[in-house]
Amino acid sequence: MRHPQLLFASTYPPTACGLATFTRALVESVASVRQSSEGLGVARVHSAMDTTISLDPLVVGETCVDSSTWPEEVSRLARHYEVLWIQHEFGIFGPDDGRRVLDLCEAVPVPVVTTMHTVLSNPTPGQGSIVEALARRSEKLVVMSHAAQQMLVQTTRVDPHKVAVIPHGAHCHPRLVTRNRHTRPTIVTWGLVGPGKGIEWGIRAMDRLRDLRPLPRYVVQGATHPNVLRAQGEAYRNSLFALVDDLDVAHMVDIDERYLAPAQLADLIGKADLALLPYDSTEQVTSGVLVEAIGAGLPVVATAFPHAVEMLADGAGRTVPHRDPLAIANALENYLTRPQALRASAWAARRSAPELSWSSVARQCEALAGRVVDAAATAGVA
C-alpha cells in the first residue's frame, strides 16, 4: 500500500502548547500505523519569542512567523510532499489572527488540508474571512466534533461538504486505580493553566466536600500557558494559591506547576478516580484533556461546553452549569459516594475509547489524505 506524503505545518515540541502536543502525537501515530516515518514531515512554526529548537527527526524545517518570508519557506518544503496539512489556531501564524496563513495557502503547490482547532460561535469579520478563505483553498476542513462542524457551518459561509469530522486522539492508557473504600479519592484537572480554566470553581467545590470521608484530594497539574506567562506572569496561579489559603483547603488541594512528560501524565491519569474540567468557556468545541480522560476510562465532571455535552452524552461523565461550585460539588459527591455510578461512567468511557485512540485517528487521517491525493491526480489527468 502506498502512503501519501504529508507535511504538517504547526507548532511542535519543545514548544509547550496543546497544538504542539497534538501534532506530535498525530504524526507519530501515523508513522506507527505505517510502521515507517518515510514520507512524513513537520514544518515547525514558532514566534520570535520562542527560541527553542527541535531535535526531532520528523521536523524537516523551522520557521519564525515574525519573518516576512515564512509562507514561502514552508511552501518550498511542501514541494517535496503530496499534501500540506495545516494545524490551524488563531494567532499561531503571526499577527492579525494569523492572516498570513492565507499567503501560505496561495503559495503552496500541493493540495491543502486544514484542521480547525478552534471554531468560534461569534468570529470577528477578520476571523470569519480567514476561515472562509481557508475553506476555499483547502480540499478539506477537519474538525474534531460534530458540535464544531455545526458551529462552523452556522457561523461562516463554508461549504458543509468540505467539512470532515475526525476526533481528537487519545493515548488510551489503562487506568491503574485499585483504591479501597478507606483510600482518599483523587480528582484531577490537567493541562496548561491560565484564566478561563475555571480551576477556582473546582477549588471552591472542594470546600463544600470537606465533610466527605475519606477526604477527597484535588490535583491541579500543569504549567502556566506560555502566552499567559508572558502577558500576566503567575498572577492567575497565585490567585489560586490565595484562594486555597482563604478557604483553608490546602489539605485537599495540590497545585503542581510542572509540565509532565507523557509517561508521567499517563501515570497521574491512571491513578485518578475522576477528571474535573471546570472550564469557563461556553463554546469550546475541542478539548484534548476531555478526550484523554475518556480514552483512559476516567469518568468526567465538566462544565457544559459543547464538546463535553457531546462526548459525555453516552454516560462517560456529567456536565454541570458554568461557574457553579455547588453544582460541581454535588456531581463529584454523587460519584464519590456511589461507587456503582462511578463504575458505570468508567465503563461508558471505555466503550468510547477505541474510536478515540491515536491509531484510529491516524488511520482516518491517512484515508482522508489518500482521497485528496487521488482526487488531485484525477483532476490533473482531466
Foldseek 3Di string as FASTA:
>chain_A
DDFFQEEEEEAAPVQAAPGNVLVVLLLVLLCVLVVHSPSAAYAHEAAPVDPDDDPDPRHPYYDHLVDPCVLVVVQVVLVVGAEYEYEDDQPRNHPPRNLCVLVNLVRHPHAYEYEDQDQDLADDPSVQVSVQSCLVSHQAYEYAFVLSLVSNVVHHVHDSVRYDHFHRAAALDAADAPDDQQDAAEEEEEDADDPQQQVLLVLVLLLVQCPDPVRHAYEYYEAHNPVCCVPPNCVPVVVSVVSCVVSVCPVRYHYYRDHDDPVVVSNVLRHHAEYERQGQDQARQHDPVVLHNLSNLHAYEYAPRPNCCVVCVQLLYYHDHHPHSNRVNVRVVVCSVDVVSSVRNSVSSNVPNVSRHSNNSSVVVRVVSVVSSVVVVVVVVD
